[in-house]
Amino acid sequence: MKICFFGGTFDPPHIGHLLVPQMVCEVEEFDKILFIPAYNPPHKINISSVEHRTNMLKIAINGNPKFGYSDIEVKREGISYTIDTIRALKQEMKLTSNNCYYLVGSDSLVDFHNWREYKAILDECQVIVALRPGFRPSDIRHWVLRRIRFANIPRYEVASTTIRTRWINNKTIRYMVTLPVWNYINENKLYKK
């Protein structure tokens, strides 16, 4: 089985969080993309509750047979470190470094050298990077560039931060999130001023 893990804050999960994994899944012929919401991401502040984020994520990926969900970081609580999650899931799913992948956006790659045991992540799995507009390979350490693969898919520029800001400023987020996620945000009065 060929599995790709996709971790994130998902606050909210937007159309880019769905389109990119779908296309990567098709190009790489993954059996499953496993979405993993962070309980407490180490580099983010002022985020919505894990309950709201996981509810929105489950709503967003519902109905796609190639998409799965793991609550490993939510159950573990504490700060969510990617290396801990990869190791635990590899053991649980009996995966090797050859059939275990981790998807990140190029915006995260810029900060990759600050991740806990970032070199070990590259040993534990194959890192696939989805390019975002504005990405410059020169911003990435050369030895990291040699160890990753770039996804051969179109670039999408949608950011959760932009969505939250637009919502607060009473601007539309239509087509940036799915309608069920939009309804969830509205019903639960998320992202208020």
Protein backbone atom coordinates (compact mmCIF):
# COMPACT_ATOMS: atom_id res chain seq x y z
CA MET A 1 0.00 0.00 0.00
CA LYS A 2 1.31 3.44 -0.98
CA ILE A 3 0.23 6.08 1.56
CA CYS A 4 0.79 9.82 1.71
CA PHE A 5 0.39 11.74 4.97
CA PHE A 6 -0.81 15.32 4.85
CA GLY A 7 -0.62 17.18 8.13
CA GLY A 8 -1.72 20.69 8.89
CA THR A 9 -3.68 23.09 11.00
CA PHE A 10 -6.62 23.18 8.56
CA ASP A 11 -8.06 26.40 9.97
CA PRO A 12 -10.15 26.28 7.82
CA PRO A 13 -9.55 23.48 5.33
CA HIS A 14 -9.79 25.20 1.95
CA ILE A 15 -10.07 24.20 -1.67
CA GLY A 16 -6.27 24.08 -2.03
CA HIS A 17 -6.13 21.55 0.82
CA LEU A 18 -8.38 19.35 -1.33
CA LEU A 19 -7.25 20.02 -4.91
CA VAL A 20 -3.53 19.58 -4.28
CA PRO A 21 -3.82 16.19 -2.51
CA GLN A 22 -6.31 14.97 -5.11
CA MET A 23 -3.94 15.77 -7.96
CA VAL A 24 -0.89 14.44 -6.10
CA CYS A 25 -2.83 11.26 -5.39
CA GLU A 26 -3.56 10.81 -9.10
CA VAL A 27 -0.04 11.65 -10.33
CA GLU A 28 1.74 9.54 -7.70
CA GLU A 29 -0.89 6.78 -7.75
CA PHE A 30 -1.34 6.75 -3.99
CA ASP A 31 -3.77 4.32 -2.46
CA LYS A 32 -4.68 6.91 0.17
CA ILE A 33 -3.94 10.44 1.31
CA LEU A 34 -4.25 10.55 5.09
CA PHE A 35 -5.20 13.99 6.45
CA ILE A 36 -3.76 14.61 9.93
CA PRO A 37 -4.93 17.70 11.82
CA ALA A 38 -2.42 19.05 14.32
CA TYR A 39 -3.54 19.19 17.93
CA ASN A 40 -1.16 22.01 18.82
CA PRO A 41 1.06 23.07 15.91
CA PRO A 42 4.44 24.28 17.18
CA HIS A 43 4.68 27.27 14.82
CA LYS A 44 1.10 28.61 14.92
CA ILE A 45 -0.77 30.79 17.39
CA ASN A 46 -4.35 32.01 17.67
CA ILE A 47 -5.96 29.02 16.00
CA SER A 48 -9.47 27.66 16.28
CA SER A 49 -10.20 24.82 18.68
CA VAL A 50 -9.12 21.36 17.58
CA GLU A 51 -12.79 20.32 17.71
CA HIS A 52 -13.81 22.90 15.10
CA ARG A 53 -10.78 22.22 12.91
CA THR A 54 -11.31 18.45 12.90
CA ASN A 55 -15.05 18.83 12.27
CA MET A 56 -14.40 21.08 9.27
CA LEU A 57 -11.73 18.73 7.93
CA LYS A 58 -13.99 15.69 8.18
CA ILE A 59 -16.74 17.62 6.38
CA ALA A 60 -14.31 18.74 3.66
CA ILE A 61 -12.91 15.29 2.82
CA ASN A 62 -16.18 13.40 3.22
CA GLY A 63 -17.12 11.32 0.20
CA ASN A 64 -13.67 11.01 -1.36
CA PRO A 65 -12.60 7.34 -1.22
CA LYS A 66 -8.92 8.28 -1.68
CA PHE A 67 -8.97 10.60 1.35
CA GLY A 68 -8.68 9.31 4.90
CA TYR A 69 -8.48 10.92 8.32
CA SER A 70 -6.20 10.24 11.27
CA ASP A 71 -6.74 11.65 14.74
CA ILE A 72 -3.32 10.47 15.95
CA GLU A 73 -2.13 13.97 16.90
CA VAL A 74 -5.47 14.89 18.47
CA LYS A 75 -5.40 11.77 20.66
CA ARG A 76 -1.74 12.31 21.55
CA GLU A 77 -2.42 15.96 22.52
CA GLY A 78 0.47 18.25 23.33
CA ILE A 79 2.60 19.84 20.63
CA SER A 80 2.23 18.07 17.29
CA TYR A 81 5.59 17.13 15.84
CA THR A 82 5.62 15.63 12.34
CA ILE A 83 8.44 13.20 13.08
CA ASP A 84 6.52 11.62 15.99
CA THR A 85 3.45 11.21 13.80
CA ILE A 86 5.32 9.70 10.87
CA ARG A 87 7.09 7.17 13.08
CA ALA A 88 3.91 6.16 14.90
CA LEU A 89 1.85 5.81 11.72
CA LYS A 90 4.58 3.88 9.92
CA GLN A 91 4.66 1.38 12.77
CA GLU A 92 0.87 1.19 13.07
CA MET A 93 0.35 0.76 9.31
CA LYS A 94 3.46 -1.40 8.78
CA LEU A 95 4.92 1.00 6.22
CA THR A 96 8.52 1.33 5.10
CA SER A 97 10.33 4.45 3.95
CA ASN A 98 9.69 3.29 0.37
CA ASN A 99 5.89 3.36 0.55
CA CYS A 100 5.46 6.22 3.03
CA TYR A 101 5.20 9.81 1.77
CA TYR A 102 4.62 13.18 3.38
CA LEU A 103 3.05 16.08 1.48
CA VAL A 104 3.97 19.67 2.33
CA GLY A 105 3.46 23.01 0.66
CA SER A 106 6.53 24.92 -0.49
CA ASP A 107 5.64 27.63 2.05
CA SER A 108 6.30 25.09 4.83
CA LEU A 109 9.52 23.98 3.17
CA VAL A 110 11.07 27.41 3.76
CA ASP A 111 10.83 26.74 7.51
CA PHE A 112 11.56 23.02 7.29
CA HIS A 113 15.02 23.30 8.89
CA ASN A 114 13.29 24.49 12.10
CA TRP A 115 11.10 21.39 12.38
CA ARG A 116 11.92 18.87 15.09
CA GLU A 117 14.30 16.21 13.74
CA TYR A 118 13.88 17.55 10.22
CA LYS A 119 16.72 15.38 8.87
CA ALA A 120 15.05 12.27 10.31
CA ILE A 121 11.82 13.14 8.49
CA LEU A 122 13.72 12.85 5.21
CA ASP A 123 14.97 9.41 6.28
CA GLU A 124 11.59 8.14 7.51
CA CYS A 125 9.58 8.99 4.40
CA GLN A 126 9.69 10.55 0.98
CA VAL A 127 8.76 14.22 1.14
CA ILE A 128 6.69 15.56 -1.74
CA VAL A 129 6.39 19.33 -2.09
CA ALA A 130 3.48 21.14 -3.72
CA LEU A 131 4.69 24.44 -5.13
CA ARG A 132 2.97 27.66 -4.15
CA PRO A 133 3.28 30.95 -6.03
CA GLY A 134 6.30 32.96 -4.98
CA PHE A 135 8.42 29.93 -4.09
CA ARG A 136 12.14 30.29 -4.80
CA PRO A 137 14.35 27.19 -4.54
CA SER A 138 17.22 29.49 -3.56
CA ASP A 139 15.46 29.99 -0.20
CA ILE A 140 15.90 26.28 0.61
CA ARG A 141 19.06 24.64 1.84
CA HIS A 142 20.69 22.70 -1.00
CA TRP A 143 20.92 19.40 0.86
CA VAL A 144 17.15 19.54 1.52
CA LEU A 145 16.44 20.17 -2.16
CA ARG A 146 18.39 17.03 -3.05
CA ARG A 147 16.24 14.89 -0.74
CA ILE A 148 12.73 16.02 -1.73
CA ARG A 149 10.50 15.68 -4.78
CA PHE A 150 8.37 18.43 -6.23
CA ALA A 151 4.83 17.46 -7.20
CA ASN A 152 4.14 17.82 -10.90
CA ILE A 153 0.84 19.64 -10.48
CA PRO A 154 -0.48 23.19 -11.03
CA ARG A 155 0.11 25.81 -8.33
CA TYR A 156 -2.78 27.11 -6.25
CA GLU A 157 -2.73 30.22 -4.10
CA VAL A 158 -5.32 29.91 -1.39
CA ALA A 159 -4.34 30.43 2.23
CA SER A 160 -6.28 29.84 5.44
CA THR A 161 -5.00 33.17 6.77
CA THR A 162 -6.51 34.98 3.78
CA ILE A 163 -9.81 33.17 4.26
CA ARG A 164 -10.01 34.11 7.95
CA THR A 165 -9.14 37.74 7.19
CA ARG A 166 -11.73 37.95 4.42
CA TRP A 167 -14.38 36.44 6.71
CA ILE A 168 -13.60 38.92 9.50
CA ASN A 169 -13.81 41.79 6.98
CA ASN A 170 -17.18 40.54 5.73
CA LYS A 171 -15.82 39.58 2.30
CA THR A 172 -16.80 36.44 0.47
CA ILE A 173 -14.89 33.20 0.81
CA ARG A 174 -17.08 31.56 -1.81
CA TYR A 175 -15.16 29.01 -3.88
CA MET A 176 -12.26 29.15 -1.40
CA VAL A 177 -13.89 26.54 0.84
CA THR A 178 -16.55 23.95 0.12
CA LEU A 179 -20.15 24.94 0.83
CA PRO A 180 -20.44 22.51 3.81
CA VAL A 181 -17.31 24.08 5.37
CA TRP A 182 -18.70 27.58 4.69
CA ASN A 183 -21.93 26.57 6.45
CA TYR A 184 -19.96 25.18 9.40
CA ILE A 185 -17.97 28.41 9.77
CA ASN A 186 -21.17 30.44 9.61
CA GLU A 187 -23.21 28.24 11.99
CA ASN A 188 -20.42 28.13 14.57
CA LYS A 189 -19.56 31.83 14.25
CA LEU A 190 -15.88 31.16 13.69
CA TYR A 191 -13.37 33.90 12.81
CA LYS A 192 -15.23 36.77 14.43
CA LYS A 193 -13.55 40.12 15.07
